[in-house]
């Protein structure tokens, strides 16, 4: 559970600092809330030691894998590692548009855009130590799965609206000054 809390805090930090990397601030992003049912579905899928995305409808999904030649006994670090890897896609591959297009999707930033998707307001994650992976020479594998609602990465839809922080919080939310997110 500690790992998952670290992941949630890290994701919130990634959103709050988004405007610092050359993109305009997000004006309508929700402060994602931890969701027990999404946690259960993500953990259930992580428990299968997946090698690809699930087919669960209407749920956004990010996957992260870690391999080690050493035994892995503490999973607490992997939530932060996963979200850092997803967020780093912005720096590694860049992006030129707030609209999710096939061209943008093909750049390799789909994990990051799901995290930045403005309408997403719930997240739940699961982590599993999968043991030796024959496809990687017997190295130990960890799988991290995060599920999101509202699902993002819809073609030709806007990822987020840009402008002054919190200037377009959705109805029923207010600006959380400490994070710059709509809560």
N, C-alpha and C. Protein backbone atom coordinates (compact mmCIF):
# COMPACT_ATOMS: atom_id res chain seq x y z
N UNK A 1 0.82 -1.20 0.00
CA UNK A 1 0.00 0.00 0.00
C UNK A 1 0.86 1.26 0.00
N UNK A 2 1.99 1.23 0.72
CA UNK A 2 2.86 2.39 0.74
C UNK A 2 3.31 2.75 -0.67
N UNK A 3 3.63 1.76 -1.46
CA UNK A 3 4.06 2.00 -2.84
C UNK A 3 2.98 2.75 -3.61
N UNK A 4 1.75 2.36 -3.42
CA UNK A 4 0.66 2.97 -4.17
C UNK A 4 0.43 4.40 -3.73
N UNK A 5 0.60 4.68 -2.45
CA UNK A 5 0.48 6.06 -1.98
C UNK A 5 1.59 6.92 -2.55
N UNK A 6 2.79 6.37 -2.61
CA UNK A 6 3.91 7.09 -3.21
C UNK A 6 3.59 7.42 -4.67
N UNK A 7 3.02 6.46 -5.39
CA UNK A 7 2.66 6.67 -6.78
C UNK A 7 1.65 7.80 -6.91
N UNK A 8 0.63 7.80 -6.06
CA UNK A 8 -0.40 8.84 -6.14
C UNK A 8 0.20 10.22 -5.87
N UNK A 9 1.08 10.32 -4.88
CA UNK A 9 1.72 11.59 -4.57
C UNK A 9 2.62 12.03 -5.72
N UNK A 10 3.36 11.11 -6.29
CA UNK A 10 4.26 11.43 -7.40
C UNK A 10 3.47 11.94 -8.60
N UNK A 11 2.36 11.27 -8.90
CA UNK A 11 1.54 11.70 -10.04
C UNK A 11 1.02 13.11 -9.82
N UNK A 12 0.58 13.41 -8.60
CA UNK A 12 0.09 14.75 -8.30
C UNK A 12 1.20 15.78 -8.52
N UNK A 13 2.42 15.45 -8.13
CA UNK A 13 3.55 16.35 -8.34
C UNK A 13 3.84 16.56 -9.81
N UNK A 14 3.71 15.52 -10.59
CA UNK A 14 3.95 15.64 -12.03
C UNK A 14 2.95 16.61 -12.65
N UNK A 15 1.68 16.55 -12.24
CA UNK A 15 0.67 17.46 -12.75
C UNK A 15 0.98 18.89 -12.31
N UNK A 16 1.30 19.06 -11.02
CA UNK A 16 1.51 20.39 -10.48
C UNK A 16 2.68 21.10 -11.15
N UNK A 17 3.69 20.36 -11.55
CA UNK A 17 4.88 20.94 -12.16
C UNK A 17 4.83 20.94 -13.68
N UNK A 18 3.70 20.62 -14.25
CA UNK A 18 3.61 20.41 -15.69
C UNK A 18 3.99 21.64 -16.48
N UNK A 19 3.58 22.81 -16.04
CA UNK A 19 3.85 24.03 -16.79
C UNK A 19 5.31 24.42 -16.83
N UNK A 20 6.16 23.79 -16.00
CA UNK A 20 7.56 24.16 -15.94
C UNK A 20 8.36 23.64 -17.11
N UNK A 21 7.86 22.69 -17.88
CA UNK A 21 8.64 22.06 -18.93
C UNK A 21 8.42 22.63 -20.31
N UNK A 22 7.91 23.85 -20.42
CA UNK A 22 7.72 24.44 -21.73
C UNK A 22 6.28 24.37 -22.21
N UNK A 23 5.45 23.52 -21.64
CA UNK A 23 4.04 23.47 -21.99
C UNK A 23 3.30 24.44 -21.07
N UNK A 24 2.21 24.98 -21.56
CA UNK A 24 1.42 25.87 -20.72
C UNK A 24 0.77 25.07 -19.60
N UNK A 25 0.44 25.77 -18.53
CA UNK A 25 -0.18 25.13 -17.38
C UNK A 25 -1.52 24.52 -17.77
N UNK A 26 -1.89 23.47 -17.05
CA UNK A 26 -3.16 22.79 -17.25
C UNK A 26 -4.22 23.55 -16.46
N UNK A 27 -5.30 23.95 -17.12
CA UNK A 27 -6.31 24.77 -16.44
C UNK A 27 -7.49 23.96 -15.92
N UNK A 28 -7.67 22.75 -16.41
CA UNK A 28 -8.90 22.01 -16.08
C UNK A 28 -8.62 20.60 -15.58
N UNK A 29 -7.47 20.36 -15.00
CA UNK A 29 -7.13 19.00 -14.58
C UNK A 29 -7.63 18.71 -13.18
N UNK A 30 -8.23 17.54 -13.03
CA UNK A 30 -8.68 17.08 -11.73
C UNK A 30 -7.49 16.65 -10.89
N UNK A 31 -7.62 16.80 -9.58
CA UNK A 31 -6.68 16.19 -8.64
C UNK A 31 -7.17 14.76 -8.46
N UNK A 32 -6.50 13.81 -9.08
CA UNK A 32 -6.96 12.43 -9.09
C UNK A 32 -7.12 11.88 -7.69
N UNK A 33 -8.21 11.20 -7.48
CA UNK A 33 -8.50 10.56 -6.20
C UNK A 33 -8.25 9.07 -6.33
N UNK A 34 -7.73 8.49 -5.26
CA UNK A 34 -7.51 7.05 -5.22
C UNK A 34 -8.86 6.36 -5.21
N UNK A 35 -9.01 5.31 -6.03
CA UNK A 35 -10.28 4.61 -6.16
C UNK A 35 -10.07 3.13 -5.86
N UNK A 36 -10.77 2.62 -4.85
CA UNK A 36 -10.61 1.23 -4.44
C UNK A 36 -10.99 0.22 -5.50
N UNK A 37 -12.02 0.51 -6.29
CA UNK A 37 -12.40 -0.45 -7.33
C UNK A 37 -11.36 -0.48 -8.46
N UNK A 38 -10.78 0.67 -8.78
CA UNK A 38 -9.71 0.69 -9.78
C UNK A 38 -8.46 0.00 -9.24
N UNK A 39 -8.19 0.19 -7.96
CA UNK A 39 -7.07 -0.51 -7.33
C UNK A 39 -7.27 -2.02 -7.43
N UNK A 40 -8.49 -2.48 -7.14
CA UNK A 40 -8.78 -3.92 -7.21
C UNK A 40 -8.62 -4.46 -8.63
N UNK A 41 -9.12 -3.71 -9.62
CA UNK A 41 -8.99 -4.20 -11.00
C UNK A 41 -7.53 -4.17 -11.44
N UNK A 42 -6.79 -3.14 -11.06
CA UNK A 42 -5.37 -3.07 -11.42
C UNK A 42 -4.57 -4.17 -10.74
N UNK A 43 -4.85 -4.40 -9.45
CA UNK A 43 -4.13 -5.46 -8.74
C UNK A 43 -4.49 -6.83 -9.32
N UNK A 44 -5.76 -7.02 -9.65
CA UNK A 44 -6.17 -8.28 -10.26
C UNK A 44 -5.43 -8.54 -11.56
N UNK A 45 -5.27 -7.49 -12.36
CA UNK A 45 -4.55 -7.67 -13.62
C UNK A 45 -3.05 -7.84 -13.37
N UNK A 46 -2.50 -7.07 -12.44
CA UNK A 46 -1.07 -7.22 -12.10
C UNK A 46 -0.78 -8.64 -11.63
N UNK A 47 -1.72 -9.23 -10.90
CA UNK A 47 -1.53 -10.59 -10.38
C UNK A 47 -1.39 -11.64 -11.48
N UNK A 48 -1.81 -11.30 -12.71
CA UNK A 48 -1.65 -12.23 -13.84
C UNK A 48 -0.26 -12.11 -14.46
N UNK A 49 0.56 -11.18 -13.94
CA UNK A 49 1.89 -10.91 -14.52
C UNK A 49 1.78 -10.67 -16.02
N UNK A 50 1.03 -9.62 -16.39
CA UNK A 50 0.72 -9.39 -17.80
C UNK A 50 1.94 -9.05 -18.64
N UNK A 51 1.82 -9.34 -19.92
CA UNK A 51 2.85 -8.96 -20.88
C UNK A 51 2.33 -7.92 -21.87
N UNK A 52 1.08 -7.53 -21.72
CA UNK A 52 0.47 -6.52 -22.59
C UNK A 52 -0.77 -5.97 -21.92
N UNK A 53 -1.39 -5.02 -22.57
CA UNK A 53 -2.56 -4.35 -22.00
C UNK A 53 -3.76 -5.29 -21.90
N UNK A 54 -4.60 -4.99 -20.91
CA UNK A 54 -5.84 -5.74 -20.72
C UNK A 54 -6.87 -5.29 -21.76
N UNK A 55 -8.00 -5.94 -21.76
CA UNK A 55 -9.10 -5.55 -22.64
C UNK A 55 -10.28 -5.02 -21.84
N UNK A 56 -10.02 -4.54 -20.63
CA UNK A 56 -11.08 -4.00 -19.79
C UNK A 56 -11.62 -2.73 -20.46
N UNK A 57 -12.93 -2.69 -20.73
CA UNK A 57 -13.49 -1.52 -21.43
C UNK A 57 -13.59 -0.30 -20.51
N UNK A 58 -13.48 0.87 -21.11
CA UNK A 58 -13.72 2.16 -20.46
C UNK A 58 -12.77 2.47 -19.31
N UNK A 59 -11.60 1.86 -19.30
CA UNK A 59 -10.60 2.14 -18.27
C UNK A 59 -9.29 2.45 -18.96
N UNK A 60 -8.67 3.57 -18.58
CA UNK A 60 -7.32 3.86 -19.05
C UNK A 60 -6.35 2.96 -18.29
N UNK A 61 -5.23 2.64 -18.92
CA UNK A 61 -4.30 1.70 -18.28
C UNK A 61 -2.86 2.04 -18.65
N UNK A 62 -2.01 2.06 -17.64
CA UNK A 62 -0.57 2.16 -17.84
C UNK A 62 0.09 0.94 -17.24
N UNK A 63 1.10 0.42 -17.94
CA UNK A 63 1.87 -0.73 -17.48
C UNK A 63 3.33 -0.34 -17.36
N UNK A 64 4.00 -0.92 -16.38
CA UNK A 64 5.44 -0.71 -16.19
C UNK A 64 6.04 -2.03 -15.74
N UNK A 65 7.19 -2.35 -16.30
CA UNK A 65 7.89 -3.58 -15.92
C UNK A 65 9.30 -3.24 -15.48
N UNK A 66 9.77 -4.02 -14.53
CA UNK A 66 11.15 -3.88 -14.04
C UNK A 66 11.74 -5.27 -13.91
N UNK A 67 12.97 -5.43 -14.39
CA UNK A 67 13.66 -6.71 -14.29
C UNK A 67 14.92 -6.54 -13.47
N UNK A 68 15.25 -7.56 -12.68
CA UNK A 68 16.47 -7.53 -11.87
C UNK A 68 17.06 -8.92 -11.79
N UNK A 69 18.38 -8.98 -11.84
CA UNK A 69 19.07 -10.25 -11.65
C UNK A 69 19.13 -10.66 -10.20
N UNK A 70 18.79 -9.75 -9.30
CA UNK A 70 18.78 -10.02 -7.86
C UNK A 70 17.35 -10.28 -7.39
N UNK A 71 17.25 -10.89 -6.22
CA UNK A 71 15.93 -11.11 -5.62
C UNK A 71 15.31 -9.76 -5.27
N UNK A 72 14.01 -9.65 -5.42
CA UNK A 72 13.28 -8.42 -5.10
C UNK A 72 12.33 -8.75 -3.97
N UNK A 73 12.54 -8.12 -2.82
CA UNK A 73 11.68 -8.42 -1.67
C UNK A 73 10.80 -7.24 -1.28
N UNK A 74 11.20 -6.02 -1.63
CA UNK A 74 10.45 -4.83 -1.23
C UNK A 74 9.92 -4.14 -2.48
N UNK A 75 8.60 -4.06 -2.60
CA UNK A 75 7.98 -3.47 -3.79
C UNK A 75 7.71 -1.98 -3.65
N UNK A 76 8.03 -1.38 -2.50
CA UNK A 76 7.67 0.01 -2.24
C UNK A 76 8.23 1.01 -3.24
N UNK A 77 9.36 0.73 -3.82
CA UNK A 77 10.00 1.69 -4.73
C UNK A 77 9.37 1.73 -6.12
N UNK A 78 8.61 0.72 -6.48
CA UNK A 78 8.23 0.57 -7.89
C UNK A 78 7.08 1.47 -8.33
N UNK A 79 6.25 1.93 -7.42
CA UNK A 79 5.21 2.89 -7.80
C UNK A 79 5.82 4.19 -8.28
N UNK A 80 6.77 4.71 -7.52
CA UNK A 80 7.46 5.94 -7.90
C UNK A 80 8.27 5.77 -9.18
N UNK A 81 8.91 4.60 -9.32
CA UNK A 81 9.69 4.34 -10.53
C UNK A 81 8.78 4.31 -11.76
N UNK A 82 7.61 3.70 -11.62
CA UNK A 82 6.67 3.62 -12.74
C UNK A 82 6.20 5.01 -13.16
N UNK A 83 5.73 5.80 -12.20
CA UNK A 83 5.21 7.11 -12.56
C UNK A 83 6.32 8.02 -13.09
N UNK A 84 7.54 7.89 -12.57
CA UNK A 84 8.67 8.68 -13.10
C UNK A 84 8.95 8.29 -14.55
N UNK A 85 8.89 7.00 -14.85
CA UNK A 85 9.12 6.55 -16.23
C UNK A 85 8.04 7.08 -17.16
N UNK A 86 6.80 7.03 -16.72
CA UNK A 86 5.70 7.52 -17.56
C UNK A 86 5.82 9.01 -17.79
N UNK A 87 6.09 9.77 -16.73
CA UNK A 87 6.21 11.21 -16.84
C UNK A 87 7.40 11.60 -17.72
N UNK A 88 8.47 10.82 -17.68
CA UNK A 88 9.68 11.16 -18.45
C UNK A 88 9.45 11.04 -19.96
N UNK A 89 8.37 10.41 -20.37
CA UNK A 89 8.08 10.34 -21.81
C UNK A 89 7.97 11.73 -22.42
N UNK A 90 7.45 12.70 -21.65
CA UNK A 90 7.35 14.07 -22.15
C UNK A 90 8.74 14.61 -22.49
N UNK A 91 9.72 14.40 -21.59
CA UNK A 91 11.07 14.90 -21.82
C UNK A 91 11.79 14.09 -22.90
N UNK A 92 11.57 12.78 -22.90
CA UNK A 92 12.27 11.91 -23.84
C UNK A 92 11.80 12.08 -25.28
N UNK A 93 10.49 12.26 -25.46
CA UNK A 93 9.93 12.27 -26.81
C UNK A 93 9.30 13.60 -27.21
N UNK A 94 9.04 14.47 -26.24
CA UNK A 94 8.41 15.75 -26.52
C UNK A 94 6.98 15.56 -27.03
N UNK A 95 6.31 16.67 -27.21
CA UNK A 95 4.99 16.63 -27.84
C UNK A 95 4.66 18.03 -28.32
N UNK A 96 4.03 18.09 -29.45
CA UNK A 96 3.79 19.38 -30.07
C UNK A 96 2.36 19.85 -30.06
N UNK A 97 1.47 19.09 -29.44
CA UNK A 97 0.05 19.43 -29.54
C UNK A 97 -0.70 18.97 -28.30
N UNK A 98 -1.75 19.70 -27.94
CA UNK A 98 -2.64 19.26 -26.86
C UNK A 98 -3.72 18.33 -27.37
N UNK A 99 -3.72 18.07 -28.65
CA UNK A 99 -4.71 17.16 -29.24
C UNK A 99 -4.05 15.80 -29.42
N UNK A 100 -4.75 14.74 -28.98
CA UNK A 100 -4.21 13.39 -29.09
C UNK A 100 -4.48 12.87 -30.49
N UNK A 101 -3.42 12.77 -31.28
CA UNK A 101 -3.51 12.31 -32.66
C UNK A 101 -2.75 11.00 -32.81
N UNK A 102 -2.93 10.34 -33.92
CA UNK A 102 -2.18 9.10 -34.17
C UNK A 102 -0.69 9.40 -34.23
N UNK A 103 -0.34 10.52 -34.83
CA UNK A 103 1.06 10.93 -34.90
C UNK A 103 1.64 11.10 -33.49
N UNK A 104 0.90 11.75 -32.61
CA UNK A 104 1.35 11.92 -31.22
C UNK A 104 1.44 10.58 -30.52
N UNK A 105 0.45 9.73 -30.72
CA UNK A 105 0.44 8.41 -30.09
C UNK A 105 1.66 7.60 -30.51
N UNK A 106 2.06 7.73 -31.76
CA UNK A 106 3.19 6.96 -32.28
C UNK A 106 4.54 7.45 -31.79
N UNK A 107 4.58 8.57 -31.06
CA UNK A 107 5.85 9.07 -30.55
C UNK A 107 6.28 8.34 -29.29
N UNK A 108 5.38 7.61 -28.64
CA UNK A 108 5.75 6.87 -27.44
C UNK A 108 5.42 7.58 -26.14
N UNK A 109 4.44 8.49 -26.15
CA UNK A 109 4.11 9.21 -24.92
C UNK A 109 2.72 8.87 -24.38
N UNK A 110 2.19 7.73 -24.76
CA UNK A 110 0.83 7.37 -24.34
C UNK A 110 0.65 7.22 -22.85
N UNK A 111 1.68 6.78 -22.12
CA UNK A 111 1.55 6.69 -20.66
C UNK A 111 1.45 8.10 -20.07
N UNK A 112 2.30 9.00 -20.55
CA UNK A 112 2.32 10.36 -20.04
C UNK A 112 1.02 11.09 -20.34
N UNK A 113 0.49 10.92 -21.55
CA UNK A 113 -0.74 11.62 -21.88
C UNK A 113 -1.92 11.08 -21.09
N UNK A 114 -1.93 9.79 -20.74
CA UNK A 114 -2.99 9.28 -19.87
C UNK A 114 -2.89 9.95 -18.50
N UNK A 115 -1.67 10.14 -17.99
CA UNK A 115 -1.50 10.81 -16.71
C UNK A 115 -1.94 12.27 -16.78
N UNK A 116 -1.76 12.92 -17.92
CA UNK A 116 -2.09 14.34 -18.07
C UNK A 116 -3.52 14.57 -18.53
N UNK A 117 -4.26 13.52 -18.86
CA UNK A 117 -5.61 13.66 -19.41
C UNK A 117 -6.49 14.40 -18.41
N UNK A 118 -7.00 15.56 -18.81
CA UNK A 118 -7.68 16.46 -17.88
C UNK A 118 -8.93 15.87 -17.25
N UNK A 119 -9.67 15.07 -17.98
CA UNK A 119 -10.93 14.56 -17.46
C UNK A 119 -10.77 13.35 -16.54
N UNK A 120 -9.57 12.79 -16.49
CA UNK A 120 -9.32 11.67 -15.59
C UNK A 120 -9.37 12.19 -14.16
N UNK A 121 -10.17 11.53 -13.32
CA UNK A 121 -10.27 11.99 -11.93
C UNK A 121 -10.08 10.88 -10.90
N UNK A 122 -9.86 9.65 -11.35
CA UNK A 122 -9.68 8.53 -10.42
C UNK A 122 -8.53 7.65 -10.90
N UNK A 123 -7.80 7.11 -9.94
CA UNK A 123 -6.69 6.21 -10.25
C UNK A 123 -6.64 5.11 -9.20
N UNK A 124 -6.22 3.94 -9.63
CA UNK A 124 -5.95 2.82 -8.73
C UNK A 124 -4.86 1.97 -9.36
N UNK A 125 -3.95 1.48 -8.55
CA UNK A 125 -2.79 0.75 -9.07
C UNK A 125 -2.56 -0.54 -8.30
N UNK A 126 -1.86 -1.45 -8.94
CA UNK A 126 -1.47 -2.71 -8.32
C UNK A 126 -0.05 -3.06 -8.73
N UNK A 127 0.63 -3.80 -7.87
CA UNK A 127 2.02 -4.19 -8.12
C UNK A 127 2.17 -5.66 -7.79
N UNK A 128 2.92 -6.37 -8.62
CA UNK A 128 3.13 -7.80 -8.41
C UNK A 128 4.57 -8.17 -8.70
N UNK A 129 5.19 -8.93 -7.79
CA UNK A 129 6.48 -9.55 -8.04
C UNK A 129 6.18 -10.82 -8.79
N UNK A 130 6.58 -10.88 -10.04
CA UNK A 130 6.21 -12.00 -10.92
C UNK A 130 7.22 -13.14 -10.91
N UNK A 131 8.37 -12.93 -10.33
CA UNK A 131 9.37 -13.99 -10.28
C UNK A 131 10.19 -14.05 -11.55
N UNK A 132 10.92 -15.15 -11.75
CA UNK A 132 11.81 -15.28 -12.91
C UNK A 132 11.04 -15.23 -14.24
N UNK A 133 11.60 -14.48 -15.17
CA UNK A 133 11.01 -14.32 -16.50
C UNK A 133 11.92 -15.01 -17.51
N UNK A 134 11.45 -16.11 -18.06
CA UNK A 134 12.26 -16.89 -19.00
C UNK A 134 12.65 -16.08 -20.23
N UNK A 135 11.79 -15.15 -20.64
CA UNK A 135 12.10 -14.35 -21.82
C UNK A 135 13.24 -13.36 -21.58
N UNK A 136 13.59 -13.14 -20.32
CA UNK A 136 14.68 -12.22 -19.96
C UNK A 136 15.79 -12.97 -19.22
N UNK A 137 16.03 -14.21 -19.61
CA UNK A 137 17.13 -14.97 -19.03
C UNK A 137 16.95 -15.31 -17.57
N UNK A 138 15.71 -15.41 -17.13
CA UNK A 138 15.44 -15.77 -15.74
C UNK A 138 15.51 -14.61 -14.76
N UNK A 139 15.62 -13.37 -15.26
CA UNK A 139 15.64 -12.22 -14.36
C UNK A 139 14.27 -12.08 -13.69
N UNK A 140 14.27 -11.59 -12.47
CA UNK A 140 13.02 -11.38 -11.73
C UNK A 140 12.29 -10.17 -12.30
N UNK A 141 10.98 -10.32 -12.45
CA UNK A 141 10.17 -9.26 -13.06
C UNK A 141 9.13 -8.75 -12.07
N UNK A 142 8.98 -7.43 -12.05
CA UNK A 142 7.92 -6.75 -11.30
C UNK A 142 6.99 -6.11 -12.32
N UNK A 143 5.68 -6.24 -12.11
CA UNK A 143 4.69 -5.59 -12.97
C UNK A 143 3.92 -4.55 -12.15
N UNK A 144 3.80 -3.35 -12.69
CA UNK A 144 2.99 -2.29 -12.10
C UNK A 144 1.88 -1.98 -13.09
N UNK A 145 0.64 -1.97 -12.61
CA UNK A 145 -0.52 -1.68 -13.43
C UNK A 145 -1.30 -0.55 -12.77
N UNK A 146 -1.62 0.49 -13.51
CA UNK A 146 -2.50 1.55 -13.02
C UNK A 146 -3.71 1.66 -13.94
N UNK A 147 -4.87 1.76 -13.33
CA UNK A 147 -6.12 1.96 -14.06
C UNK A 147 -6.65 3.35 -13.76
N UNK A 148 -7.25 3.96 -14.78
CA UNK A 148 -7.72 5.34 -14.70
C UNK A 148 -9.17 5.45 -15.18
N UNK A 149 -9.92 6.32 -14.53
CA UNK A 149 -11.22 6.77 -15.02
C UNK A 149 -11.22 8.27 -14.86
N UNK A 150 -11.58 8.97 -15.73
CA UNK A 150 -12.11 8.69 -17.05
C UNK A 150 -10.93 8.33 -17.95
N UNK A 151 -11.15 7.35 -18.81
CA UNK A 151 -10.11 6.90 -19.73
C UNK A 151 -9.68 8.05 -20.63
N UNK A 152 -8.38 8.11 -20.91
CA UNK A 152 -7.84 9.12 -21.80
C UNK A 152 -7.38 8.53 -23.11
N UNK A 153 -6.59 9.32 -23.82
CA UNK A 153 -5.97 8.91 -25.08
C UNK A 153 -6.98 8.58 -26.16
N UNK A 154 -8.03 9.40 -26.25
CA UNK A 154 -8.98 9.27 -27.35
C UNK A 154 -8.49 10.09 -28.53
N UNK A 155 -8.44 9.46 -29.69
CA UNK A 155 -7.97 10.14 -30.89
C UNK A 155 -8.78 11.40 -31.18
N UNK A 156 -8.06 12.46 -31.51
CA UNK A 156 -8.59 13.75 -31.92
C UNK A 156 -9.28 14.51 -30.79
N UNK A 157 -9.08 14.07 -29.55
CA UNK A 157 -9.62 14.79 -28.39
C UNK A 157 -8.50 15.60 -27.74
N UNK A 158 -8.89 16.65 -27.03
CA UNK A 158 -7.93 17.50 -26.33
C UNK A 158 -7.48 16.82 -25.05
N UNK A 159 -6.16 16.78 -24.84
CA UNK A 159 -5.60 16.16 -23.64
C UNK A 159 -5.93 17.00 -22.42
N UNK A 160 -5.73 18.29 -22.53
CA UNK A 160 -6.06 19.23 -21.47
C UNK A 160 -6.17 20.61 -22.10
N UNK A 161 -6.81 21.53 -21.39
CA UNK A 161 -6.88 22.91 -21.84
C UNK A 161 -5.74 23.68 -21.18
N UNK A 162 -5.12 24.59 -21.92
CA UNK A 162 -3.99 25.33 -21.38
C UNK A 162 -4.38 26.77 -21.10
N UNK A 163 -3.63 27.38 -20.20
CA UNK A 163 -3.85 28.76 -19.80
C UNK A 163 -3.48 28.93 -18.35
N UNK A 164 -4.12 29.88 -17.69
CA UNK A 164 -3.83 30.14 -16.27
C UNK A 164 -4.30 28.96 -15.43
N UNK A 165 -3.45 28.51 -14.53
CA UNK A 165 -3.75 27.36 -13.67
C UNK A 165 -5.11 27.52 -13.00
N UNK A 166 -5.90 26.47 -13.05
CA UNK A 166 -7.21 26.38 -12.39
C UNK A 166 -8.25 27.37 -12.93
N UNK A 167 -8.02 27.96 -14.08
CA UNK A 167 -8.97 28.95 -14.58
C UNK A 167 -10.21 28.32 -15.21
N UNK A 168 -10.22 27.00 -15.36
CA UNK A 168 -11.37 26.33 -15.97
C UNK A 168 -11.71 25.04 -15.22
N UNK A 169 -11.73 25.11 -13.89
CA UNK A 169 -12.07 23.91 -13.13
C UNK A 169 -13.49 23.48 -13.47
N UNK A 170 -13.70 22.17 -13.66
CA UNK A 170 -15.04 21.68 -13.96
C UNK A 170 -16.03 21.99 -12.85
N UNK A 171 -17.30 22.04 -13.20
CA UNK A 171 -18.37 22.29 -12.24
C UNK A 171 -18.28 21.29 -11.09
N UNK A 172 -18.47 21.79 -9.88
CA UNK A 172 -18.42 20.92 -8.70
C UNK A 172 -17.02 20.76 -8.13
N UNK A 173 -16.03 21.44 -8.73
CA UNK A 173 -14.67 21.38 -8.20
C UNK A 173 -14.21 22.79 -7.87
N UNK A 174 -13.11 22.88 -7.15
CA UNK A 174 -12.52 24.17 -6.82
C UNK A 174 -11.02 24.07 -7.02
N UNK A 175 -10.36 25.19 -7.10
CA UNK A 175 -8.91 25.21 -7.29
C UNK A 175 -8.22 24.87 -5.97
N UNK A 176 -7.37 23.88 -6.02
CA UNK A 176 -6.53 23.54 -4.86
C UNK A 176 -5.22 24.31 -5.05
N UNK A 177 -5.06 25.39 -4.32
CA UNK A 177 -3.94 26.31 -4.53
C UNK A 177 -2.58 25.64 -4.38
N UNK A 178 -2.45 24.70 -3.45
CA UNK A 178 -1.14 24.08 -3.20
C UNK A 178 -0.64 23.26 -4.38
N UNK A 179 -1.56 22.69 -5.16
CA UNK A 179 -1.15 21.85 -6.29
C UNK A 179 -1.47 22.47 -7.64
N UNK A 180 -2.37 23.44 -7.67
CA UNK A 180 -2.80 24.01 -8.94
C UNK A 180 -3.77 23.12 -9.68
N UNK A 181 -4.36 22.16 -8.98
CA UNK A 181 -5.29 21.21 -9.59
C UNK A 181 -6.71 21.50 -9.15
N UNK A 182 -7.67 21.04 -9.93
CA UNK A 182 -9.08 21.17 -9.59
C UNK A 182 -9.47 20.00 -8.69
N UNK A 183 -10.01 20.32 -7.53
CA UNK A 183 -10.36 19.26 -6.56
C UNK A 183 -11.84 19.33 -6.22
